[in-house]
Structures are given as C-alpha cells and as structure tokens.
Amino acid sequence: MRGSVFLRCACRDPQSKKFLHARCPKLGKVKGHGAWWFRFSAPGPDGKRRQPMVGPFPTKKIAQEELTATLARLGGGGQVQDRALTVGTYLTNYIDGKIDLKPRTLATNREAIELYWKPALGHLPLVGLRDHHIAEAIRAMLEINQPSPEGEHPSEMLRRMTTARAESVKTSLAPGERRTKKSTKPLSPARVKRVFAVLTAALNAAVPGKINLNPCDGVVLPRARKTRPLPWSPEQDAAFWAARDRKLAAASDDRRPTTVERQRIWADRGLRPSPVMVWLPQHTGRFLDFIEDERLYALFCLVAYCGLRRGEVVGLAWADLDLDHGIANVRETGDGEDPKSEAGVRALPLAPIVVAPCGPGGNGRWKTSWRGAPTGPRPASFSPAKTAPRYRRSGCRPGSRRLLTGPGCRP
C-alpha cells in the first residue's frame, strides 16, 4: 500500500468557478496558503481500489505522520479512523446499542447525551474532539440557569444546551405523574460529574477502533462538595422542633395549619444543620413506637432492621418471606429488575421483632389492601408497599440490625 502527501487549497478559477485545489498558482509561493492532505490506496467494499483523501493538516510533517500511522493500521489489519463520523452520530449509535442497561439507567444516559453532549459537541468530528472542547462544554453546563455578568452574552454552546433543555418533553408519563416544568436550578458539580461519566464511558468504547485516546482523560472537573451525614444530638433535636413550631405559628396566624403546610415546613432544609441527618437508635425506636398501630408497621420494621433499598422492599413478595426460619430472600426490585448488584440477590436474616408483626400473631394490617379490605397473603408482591405514599426517611437510610441496639429502643 502506498500513499502521498500534497498541498491543496479552496481557491476557484475566475472563469469556470471550479476549485483549483492543487493547481492553484499561489501554492508554494504565498506563505500559509493552503493546507496539507494525504491520499492512500485502500480496498473498497466491492473489491475495487479507492483513494480516499484525509485532511487538512497544518504542516507537512503532521500529514506524513498521519499517513504513516494509517498505512500501519491497514497493514496490521487495523481500522482507519472515519473522519466523517461526528460526535453526535457516534453518541446516538452508542446509546442505541446499550441493550444491557436497566431502563432507568438507559433513560438517564440518553438524557445526558440529548440535553448536553449532542447540543454542545455533536457537530464536531469524533477524531477531532479534544479535551479543551469538553472543558468548554463543562463550563457552559455550570452557567445554565445562572445570571450572566453585566455586559456579557451567553455563548453559542450555552444557547444550544438551553434550547435542547427547553424542547425536552416527556412523551409518556407514568400513572399518576404530572407534567412539570424543566428545572430552573443550576447544575451542581455532582450532576455535571454524572453527565461527564456518560461521555467518558462512550469515548472509552471508541478506543482504539475510532479514536486513539480518550480526550476526557485530560479534563479537570469542578470540585463537588461531599455532604457528610450528621447524627442528631439532643440539642439539635430540640432546636429543630422549636424552629418548626415558630414557623408554624408564623404561617398559620389564627387558623389551624393544613397538612400540606405542616409537611412543607417540616421538610424545610433550613431547619436542619445538614442536608443528611442520621437517626440515632432512640429516634428510630420512637418512630416505631409511634406507628405501632399503623398498617405498614411491619414494613417499616423490616426497613429499619434489614436496611433494604426502597426498590427491594417494593419488589419483595410474600413467597420470599420464610417466617418459620426468619429469612427474607431478596430477588428483584419493584419494577421487576434485578437488584443493583450481584450481591443484592441475597438471603437476609430477620430479627424476631420483624417476624412477629408479619406472622399470625402480628397486627395483621400489612396483609390488607389500601382500602382496608382483608386480602390475605399475595404471592406476587407487597401490594400495600406499592400503593402506599413514599416514606421519606429524613435523608437517612437505617442501615443494619445494630441500629436499634441502643438505649430507648424497642426490646
């Protein structure tokens, strides 16, 4: 296989208006006029020889190096990089081929590509993508929903991202889900990091067949502040309830506050010292004592003692509970998918305090439908867990059986 390096430009003949290319009289005489290209012989799909042209390159040396690398790949059975393939086309093909992802993960990755990476970088050739292009896109993400400095206008990349976000509408909604506006909050560094991870994985899949190196390797991400869990102390607990009572009194005036108002004030993050507050054993014990007569009391005991994820609790079937031996077999989540990891398929030992409410001697309300009509054990799933309102655990996840071994807990 052979190849050649040549100089060409985009000048036109004054009479015929056709491109002169390598016949331009200015080539070699006017410094900086034209660019370097190379041509090589390669087999075509029909068996005939073809001579593709690759370029432009700023110098003859770079063009020769690229020609040498291309001929080496062809001689060793490698692939020639497609310079016509754009980032947008590649990302679309990449995400369409990810058939091994869970539906929610696939939807999240597709959203990152459609709302951010394709508007920002989709027009660039894949082989021409560099780390400074990605860094510029990340800076534009951090400017979304941020006020522009006085006298400055949004960049064209930011405009494309904003337009894509504004035009993004869910084609189908889940039962009971309402159509809402796009978030008006700025993107946090943690969110940018998750979006960046999608591009990194996609470009890793392109190495070495389509590109030689992943340009994401040289990109510096904004520092994401880690939210560290903070346990409730008696002083913080008392301050929280005092602040909540003051807000209730200020919001209700002379009338009784509604349930919605009380919930909104209780969920106000400004009342908490940290976004993630951890229950101590006495808090969990007080909670279980308070809801002892509730229909889902046994379910909350299971969550508090075994530390199941919400999806695993919803997907747990009555047939998966072996109350005689005190074992819960976790096999799937509420949407019918496998647990988050291979280790998620497991058998959990159940403490007696969890087994008692589920058995014949328990309160029996866990096995009733949402309207209270007795239905008995259901082999398919915990229907009350699927129909009950989502339980918000004050930003913490009770993790293990040792959580309730301190003073003030249930026996």
Protein backbone atom coordinates (compact mmCIF):
# COMPACT_ATOMS: atom_id res chain seq x y z
CA MET A 1 0.00 0.00 0.00
CA ARG A 2 1.24 3.44 -0.92
CA GLY A 3 0.28 6.99 -0.19
CA SER A 4 1.27 10.57 -0.95
CA VAL A 5 1.21 13.94 0.79
CA PHE A 6 0.23 17.07 -1.13
CA LEU A 7 -0.77 20.68 -0.68
CA ARG A 8 -4.16 22.00 -1.78
CA CYS A 9 -6.48 24.97 -1.21
CA ALA A 10 -10.07 26.04 -1.81
CA CYS A 11 -9.45 28.75 -4.43
CA ARG A 12 -11.68 28.82 -7.53
CA ASP A 13 -10.95 29.50 -11.15
CA PRO A 14 -12.15 33.03 -12.02
CA GLN A 15 -13.83 31.87 -15.23
CA SER A 16 -15.14 28.36 -14.60
CA LYS A 17 -15.69 28.87 -10.84
CA LYS A 18 -14.32 25.38 -10.24
CA PHE A 19 -11.97 24.55 -7.39
CA LEU A 20 -8.30 24.73 -8.31
CA HIS A 21 -7.16 22.52 -5.44
CA ALA A 22 -3.53 21.54 -6.11
CA ARG A 23 -3.36 23.61 -9.33
CA CYS A 24 -3.58 26.95 -7.57
CA PRO A 25 -0.61 29.17 -8.53
CA LYS A 26 -0.35 30.56 -5.00
CA LEU A 27 0.56 27.20 -3.50
CA GLY A 28 4.21 27.12 -2.52
CA LYS A 29 4.62 30.83 -3.29
CA VAL A 30 2.40 32.51 -0.70
CA LYS A 31 3.32 31.53 2.85
CA GLY A 32 0.47 29.92 4.78
CA HIS A 33 -1.71 29.47 1.68
CA GLY A 34 -3.48 26.10 1.57
CA ALA A 35 -3.26 23.06 3.83
CA TRP A 36 -1.65 19.61 3.70
CA TRP A 37 -3.59 16.47 2.83
CA PHE A 38 -2.67 12.87 2.12
CA ARG A 39 -4.07 10.20 -0.17
CA PHE A 40 -3.59 6.44 0.08
CA SER A 41 -4.75 3.31 -1.68
CA ALA A 42 -7.28 1.19 0.16
CA PRO A 43 -9.63 -1.68 -0.77
CA GLY A 44 -13.25 -0.74 -1.34
CA PRO A 45 -16.40 -2.63 -0.32
CA ASP A 46 -16.80 -4.00 -3.87
CA GLY A 47 -13.20 -5.20 -4.08
CA LYS A 48 -12.03 -2.29 -6.24
CA ARG A 49 -9.27 0.04 -5.14
CA ARG A 50 -10.11 3.51 -3.92
CA GLN A 51 -8.01 6.53 -2.94
CA PRO A 52 -9.55 8.41 -0.01
CA MET A 53 -8.16 11.86 0.88
CA VAL A 54 -7.64 12.81 4.52
CA GLY A 55 -7.01 16.31 5.86
CA PRO A 56 -6.48 19.15 6.31
CA PHE A 57 -3.30 19.28 8.41
CA PRO A 58 -1.39 22.43 9.36
CA THR A 59 2.07 21.11 8.43
CA LYS A 60 3.57 18.57 6.05
CA LYS A 61 5.21 16.70 8.93
CA ILE A 62 1.89 16.07 10.71
CA ALA A 63 0.32 14.88 7.44
CA GLN A 64 3.18 12.44 6.86
CA GLU A 65 2.92 11.09 10.40
CA GLU A 66 -0.82 10.53 10.00
CA LEU A 67 -0.25 8.82 6.65
CA THR A 68 2.35 6.51 8.18
CA ALA A 69 0.02 5.63 11.08
CA THR A 70 -2.88 4.96 8.68
CA LEU A 71 -0.82 2.68 6.45
CA ALA A 72 0.46 0.84 9.55
CA ARG A 73 -3.07 0.19 10.75
CA LEU A 74 -4.12 -1.07 7.32
CA GLY A 75 -1.08 -3.32 7.07
CA GLY A 76 -1.69 -4.76 10.53
CA GLY A 77 -5.37 -5.37 9.97
CA GLY A 78 -6.49 -2.32 11.98
CA GLN A 79 -9.25 0.15 11.20
CA VAL A 80 -8.86 3.51 9.51
CA GLN A 81 -10.40 6.34 11.50
CA ASP A 82 -13.56 7.73 9.92
CA ARG A 83 -13.17 11.49 9.72
CA ALA A 84 -16.75 11.93 8.54
CA LEU A 85 -18.17 10.46 11.77
CA THR A 86 -19.41 13.23 14.08
CA VAL A 87 -19.67 13.12 17.86
CA GLY A 88 -23.47 13.38 17.67
CA THR A 89 -23.82 10.43 15.29
CA TYR A 90 -21.45 8.30 17.33
CA LEU A 91 -23.21 9.04 20.64
CA THR A 92 -26.58 8.22 19.10
CA ASN A 93 -25.31 4.88 17.80
CA TYR A 94 -23.59 4.19 21.13
CA ILE A 95 -26.65 4.73 23.32
CA ASP A 96 -28.93 2.85 20.90
CA GLY A 97 -26.64 -0.16 21.20
CA LYS A 98 -26.64 -0.25 25.04
CA ILE A 99 -29.22 -3.00 25.33
CA ASP A 100 -27.70 -4.36 28.56
CA LEU A 101 -28.62 -1.34 30.71
CA LYS A 102 -31.60 -1.11 33.02
CA PRO A 103 -34.42 1.10 31.72
CA ARG A 104 -33.85 3.87 34.26
CA THR A 105 -30.08 3.91 33.67
CA LEU A 106 -30.62 3.93 29.92
CA ALA A 107 -33.05 6.86 30.19
CA THR A 108 -30.61 8.82 32.38
CA ASN A 109 -27.70 8.25 30.00
CA ARG A 110 -29.81 9.14 26.98
CA GLU A 111 -30.92 12.37 28.67
CA ALA A 112 -27.29 13.36 29.34
CA ILE A 113 -26.45 12.80 25.67
CA GLU A 114 -29.51 14.51 24.20
CA LEU A 115 -29.58 17.55 26.52
CA TYR A 116 -25.88 18.29 26.92
CA TRP A 117 -23.31 16.45 24.79
CA LYS A 118 -25.03 16.43 21.42
CA PRO A 119 -26.01 20.14 21.53
CA ALA A 120 -22.53 21.09 22.75
CA LEU A 121 -20.22 18.79 20.75
CA GLY A 122 -22.43 16.89 18.31
CA HIS A 123 -21.25 18.86 15.23
CA LEU A 124 -17.55 18.12 15.78
CA PRO A 125 -15.81 15.19 14.05
CA LEU A 126 -15.11 12.41 16.52
CA VAL A 127 -11.42 12.20 15.60
CA GLY A 128 -11.09 15.97 16.12
CA LEU A 129 -12.58 16.03 19.63
CA ARG A 130 -10.08 17.40 22.16
CA ASP A 131 -10.05 17.93 25.91
CA HIS A 132 -10.47 21.71 25.55
CA HIS A 133 -13.78 21.16 23.71
CA ILE A 134 -15.07 19.07 26.61
CA ALA A 135 -13.78 21.56 29.19
CA GLU A 136 -15.63 24.36 27.38
CA ALA A 137 -18.84 22.30 27.44
CA ILE A 138 -18.48 21.73 31.19
CA ARG A 139 -18.05 25.46 31.78
CA ALA A 140 -21.22 26.06 29.78
CA MET A 141 -23.12 23.49 31.90
CA LEU A 142 -22.15 25.35 35.06
CA GLU A 143 -23.60 28.55 33.55
CA ILE A 144 -27.05 27.02 32.94
CA ASN A 145 -29.73 28.92 34.92
CA GLN A 146 -27.04 31.27 36.21
CA PRO A 147 -27.34 35.08 35.75
CA SER A 148 -24.95 36.34 33.09
CA PRO A 149 -22.45 39.03 34.12
CA GLU A 150 -23.44 42.53 33.10
CA GLY A 151 -22.47 43.27 29.52
CA GLU A 152 -21.82 39.64 28.59
CA HIS A 153 -23.97 37.40 26.40
CA PRO A 154 -24.36 33.62 26.64
CA SER A 155 -22.05 31.61 24.42
CA GLU A 156 -23.40 29.79 21.41
CA MET A 157 -22.75 26.46 23.12
CA LEU A 158 -24.79 27.55 26.14
CA ARG A 159 -27.62 28.66 23.84
CA ARG A 160 -27.72 25.23 22.20
CA MET A 161 -27.88 23.47 25.56
CA THR A 162 -30.60 25.80 26.84
CA THR A 163 -32.67 25.22 23.69
CA ALA A 164 -32.31 21.45 23.99
CA ARG A 165 -33.43 21.55 27.64
CA ALA A 166 -36.41 23.75 26.79
CA GLU A 167 -37.55 21.43 23.99
CA SER A 168 -37.15 18.27 26.07
CA VAL A 169 -40.62 16.95 26.88
CA LYS A 170 -41.55 13.51 28.13
CA THR A 171 -43.57 11.70 25.50
CA SER A 172 -45.22 9.43 28.08
CA LEU A 173 -45.92 9.85 31.77
CA ALA A 174 -46.17 7.20 34.44
CA PRO A 175 -49.59 6.62 36.03
CA GLY A 176 -50.27 9.48 38.42
CA GLU A 177 -47.29 11.54 37.21
CA ARG A 178 -47.95 15.16 36.30
CA ARG A 179 -46.15 17.10 33.61
CA THR A 180 -43.86 19.64 35.24
CA LYS A 181 -41.58 22.42 34.07
CA LYS A 182 -37.91 21.86 33.43
CA SER A 183 -35.79 22.50 36.49
CA THR A 184 -34.74 26.13 36.88
CA LYS A 185 -31.93 25.30 39.30
CA PRO A 186 -28.29 25.49 38.19
CA LEU A 187 -26.46 22.22 37.61
CA SER A 188 -24.49 21.16 40.66
CA PRO A 189 -20.90 19.91 40.33
CA ALA A 190 -22.15 16.44 41.30
CA ARG A 191 -24.68 16.50 38.46
CA VAL A 192 -22.01 17.66 36.00
CA LYS A 193 -19.80 14.79 37.17
CA ARG A 194 -22.55 12.25 36.43
CA VAL A 195 -23.13 13.74 32.96
CA PHE A 196 -19.39 13.66 32.32
CA ALA A 197 -19.26 9.96 33.28
CA VAL A 198 -21.66 9.15 30.41
CA LEU A 199 -19.35 10.79 27.85
CA THR A 200 -16.29 9.12 29.36
CA ALA A 201 -17.86 5.67 29.04
CA ALA A 202 -18.95 6.38 25.46
CA LEU A 203 -15.48 7.54 24.37
CA ASN A 204 -13.81 4.63 26.15
CA ALA A 205 -15.85 2.36 23.89
CA ALA A 206 -14.45 4.22 20.85
CA VAL A 207 -10.81 3.47 21.77
CA PRO A 208 -8.91 2.23 19.79
CA GLY A 209 -11.23 1.47 16.88
CA LYS A 210 -12.41 5.01 16.17
CA ILE A 211 -10.04 7.23 18.17
CA ASN A 212 -6.58 6.64 19.58
CA LEU A 213 -7.04 8.27 23.00
CA ASN A 214 -9.95 9.35 25.14
CA PRO A 215 -9.95 13.18 25.34
CA CYS A 216 -11.81 13.00 28.66
CA ASP A 217 -8.60 11.87 30.36
CA GLY A 218 -7.21 15.41 30.43
CA VAL A 219 -10.35 17.19 31.67
CA VAL A 220 -10.49 18.66 35.18
CA LEU A 221 -13.96 18.56 36.76
CA PRO A 222 -15.33 21.12 39.22
CA ARG A 223 -14.95 20.07 42.80
CA ALA A 224 -18.13 18.55 44.18
CA ARG A 225 -18.65 19.21 47.86
CA LYS A 226 -19.40 16.00 49.70
CA THR A 227 -22.40 16.03 52.01
CA ARG A 228 -21.37 14.25 55.16
CA PRO A 229 -24.04 12.64 57.37
CA LEU A 230 -24.55 14.28 60.76
CA PRO A 231 -26.23 12.44 63.64
CA TRP A 232 -28.93 14.22 65.59
CA SER A 233 -27.81 15.44 69.01
CA PRO A 234 -30.30 16.27 71.79
CA GLU A 235 -29.57 19.99 71.37
CA GLN A 236 -30.07 19.87 67.59
CA ASP A 237 -33.26 17.86 68.04
CA ALA A 238 -34.71 20.42 70.46
CA ALA A 239 -33.65 23.33 68.21
CA PHE A 240 -35.34 21.69 65.19
CA TRP A 241 -38.71 21.31 66.91
CA ALA A 242 -38.53 24.82 68.36
CA ALA A 243 -37.80 26.32 64.94
CA ARG A 244 -40.58 24.26 63.38
CA ASP A 245 -43.09 25.48 65.97
CA ARG A 246 -42.10 29.09 65.34
CA LYS A 247 -42.58 28.67 61.60
CA LEU A 248 -45.95 27.01 62.11
CA ALA A 249 -47.09 29.85 64.34
CA ALA A 250 -45.94 32.46 61.83
CA ALA A 251 -47.55 30.73 58.86
CA SER A 252 -50.90 29.82 60.40
CA ASP A 253 -51.79 33.11 62.14
CA ASP A 254 -55.13 32.48 63.85
CA ARG A 255 -56.09 29.35 61.92
CA ARG A 256 -55.02 25.77 62.13
CA PRO A 257 -52.30 24.98 59.54
CA THR A 258 -53.21 22.49 56.85
CA THR A 259 -51.45 19.17 56.43
CA VAL A 260 -49.70 20.44 53.30
CA GLU A 261 -48.37 23.49 55.15
CA ARG A 262 -47.15 21.39 58.05
CA GLN A 263 -45.41 18.97 55.71
CA ARG A 264 -43.77 21.81 53.77
CA ILE A 265 -42.45 23.43 56.95
CA TRP A 266 -41.26 20.09 58.36
CA ALA A 267 -39.36 19.35 55.11
CA ASP A 268 -37.66 22.77 55.08
CA ARG A 269 -33.93 22.04 54.82
CA GLY A 270 -33.13 25.28 56.56
CA LEU A 271 -34.33 23.77 59.84
CA ARG A 272 -31.66 21.07 59.72
CA PRO A 273 -27.95 21.58 60.43
CA SER A 274 -27.03 19.34 57.47
CA PRO A 275 -28.87 18.07 54.39
CA VAL A 276 -28.28 14.48 55.59
CA MET A 277 -29.24 13.93 59.21
CA VAL A 278 -28.91 10.44 60.67
CA TRP A 279 -31.35 8.94 63.13
CA LEU A 280 -29.87 7.60 66.32
CA PRO A 281 -31.29 4.38 67.83
CA GLN A 282 -33.60 6.34 70.13
CA HIS A 283 -35.08 8.24 67.17
CA THR A 284 -35.82 5.02 65.29
CA GLY A 285 -37.29 3.47 68.43
CA ARG A 286 -39.57 6.47 68.99
CA PHE A 287 -40.70 6.29 65.36
CA LEU A 288 -41.56 2.58 65.58
CA ASP A 289 -43.39 3.13 68.88
CA PHE A 290 -45.45 5.90 67.30
CA ILE A 291 -46.57 3.87 64.26
CA GLU A 292 -47.14 0.57 66.07
CA ASP A 293 -50.84 0.61 65.17
CA GLU A 294 -50.25 1.59 61.56
CA ARG A 295 -50.95 -0.86 58.73
CA LEU A 296 -47.37 -0.72 57.39
CA TYR A 297 -45.73 -1.11 60.78
CA ALA A 298 -44.13 -4.45 59.85
CA LEU A 299 -42.77 -3.00 56.61
CA PHE A 300 -41.02 -0.16 58.46
CA CYS A 301 -39.58 -2.65 60.94
CA LEU A 302 -38.16 -4.58 58.01
CA VAL A 303 -36.59 -1.42 56.55
CA ALA A 304 -35.15 -0.28 59.88
CA TYR A 305 -33.62 -3.63 60.83
CA CYS A 306 -32.52 -5.01 57.44
CA GLY A 307 -31.53 -1.86 55.55
CA LEU A 308 -33.26 -2.80 52.28
CA ARG A 309 -33.41 -0.34 49.43
CA ARG A 310 -36.84 1.05 48.63
CA GLY A 311 -36.99 -0.82 45.32
CA GLU A 312 -36.09 -4.08 47.06
CA VAL A 313 -38.81 -3.56 49.68
CA VAL A 314 -41.42 -2.91 46.98
CA GLY A 315 -40.32 -5.98 45.00
CA LEU A 316 -40.33 -8.34 47.98
CA ALA A 317 -43.09 -10.95 47.64
CA TRP A 318 -44.84 -12.83 50.44
CA ALA A 319 -43.43 -16.02 48.95
CA ASP A 320 -39.93 -14.64 49.57
CA LEU A 321 -40.52 -14.50 53.35
CA ASP A 322 -39.71 -17.61 55.37
CA LEU A 323 -41.17 -16.59 58.71
CA ASP A 324 -40.58 -20.00 60.29
CA HIS A 325 -36.83 -19.69 59.84
CA GLY A 326 -36.70 -15.87 59.91
CA ILE A 327 -35.30 -15.30 56.40
CA ALA A 328 -36.17 -12.82 53.64
CA ASN A 329 -34.97 -13.71 50.12
CA VAL A 330 -34.26 -10.59 48.03
CA ARG A 331 -34.53 -11.42 44.32
CA GLU A 332 -35.85 -8.40 42.43
CA THR A 333 -36.92 -4.78 42.71
CA GLY A 334 -40.36 -3.25 42.40
CA ASP A 335 -40.07 -2.74 38.63
CA GLY A 336 -39.23 -6.40 38.04
CA GLU A 337 -35.50 -5.82 37.51
CA ASP A 338 -32.63 -7.50 39.29
CA PRO A 339 -31.15 -5.76 42.35
CA LYS A 340 -28.49 -3.09 41.91
CA SER A 341 -25.57 -5.53 42.02
CA GLU A 342 -24.90 -9.26 42.05
CA ALA A 343 -24.50 -9.11 45.82
CA GLY A 344 -28.02 -7.65 46.01
CA VAL A 345 -29.51 -11.11 45.45
CA ARG A 346 -29.21 -12.38 49.00
CA ALA A 347 -30.92 -14.01 51.97
CA LEU A 348 -31.40 -11.72 54.96
CA PRO A 349 -31.95 -12.97 58.50
CA LEU A 350 -34.96 -11.40 60.16
CA ALA A 351 -34.97 -10.34 63.78
CA PRO A 352 -37.88 -11.55 65.94
CA ILE A 353 -39.26 -8.02 66.14
CA VAL A 354 -39.65 -8.11 62.34
CA VAL A 355 -41.08 -11.62 62.15
CA ALA A 356 -43.71 -11.02 64.85
CA PRO A 357 -45.77 -8.35 63.00
CA CYS A 358 -45.69 -10.40 59.77
CA GLY A 359 -46.90 -13.64 61.33
CA PRO A 360 -50.34 -14.68 62.53
CA GLY A 361 -49.75 -13.00 65.88
CA GLY A 362 -48.99 -9.61 64.37
CA ASN A 363 -51.31 -6.69 63.88
CA GLY A 364 -52.41 -8.18 60.53
CA ARG A 365 -52.74 -4.83 58.84
CA TRP A 366 -49.82 -5.42 56.50
CA LYS A 367 -51.80 -8.03 54.59
CA THR A 368 -54.77 -5.79 53.83
CA SER A 369 -55.35 -3.74 50.75
CA TRP A 370 -55.03 0.02 50.64
CA ARG A 371 -58.73 0.47 51.42
CA GLY A 372 -58.55 -1.92 54.34
CA ALA A 373 -60.38 -4.93 52.92
CA PRO A 374 -58.68 -8.18 54.01
CA THR A 375 -57.00 -9.91 51.08
CA GLY A 376 -54.58 -12.35 52.74
CA PRO A 377 -51.03 -13.05 51.58
CA ARG A 378 -50.34 -12.12 47.99
CA PRO A 379 -47.79 -14.28 46.19
CA ALA A 380 -46.83 -11.59 43.69
CA SER A 381 -45.78 -8.63 45.81
CA PHE A 382 -46.42 -6.41 48.80
CA SER A 383 -49.30 -4.54 47.27
CA PRO A 384 -49.53 -2.08 50.20
CA ALA A 385 -45.90 -1.10 49.67
CA LYS A 386 -46.61 -0.34 46.03
CA THR A 387 -49.74 1.71 46.73
CA ALA A 388 -48.74 3.49 49.92
CA PRO A 389 -47.29 7.04 49.81
CA ARG A 390 -43.49 7.16 49.61
CA TYR A 391 -41.89 7.19 53.02
CA ARG A 392 -39.23 9.88 53.36
CA ARG A 393 -36.63 8.92 55.91
CA SER A 394 -35.30 12.39 56.76
CA GLY A 395 -32.39 11.93 54.40
CA CYS A 396 -31.02 8.84 56.12
CA ARG A 397 -31.17 5.14 55.46
CA PRO A 398 -31.31 2.94 58.56
CA GLY A 399 -28.65 0.51 57.66
CA SER A 400 -28.40 -2.59 59.82
CA ARG A 401 -29.76 -4.53 62.73
CA ARG A 402 -27.32 -2.90 65.10
CA LEU A 403 -29.14 0.40 64.58
CA LEU A 404 -31.71 -0.39 67.24
CA THR A 405 -29.49 -1.74 69.98
CA GLY A 406 -29.01 1.47 71.95
CA PRO A 407 -30.99 2.82 74.86
CA GLY A 408 -34.51 3.96 74.27
CA CYS A 409 -35.20 1.35 71.55
CA ARG A 410 -37.80 -1.31 71.42
CA PRO A 411 -36.85 -4.64 73.06
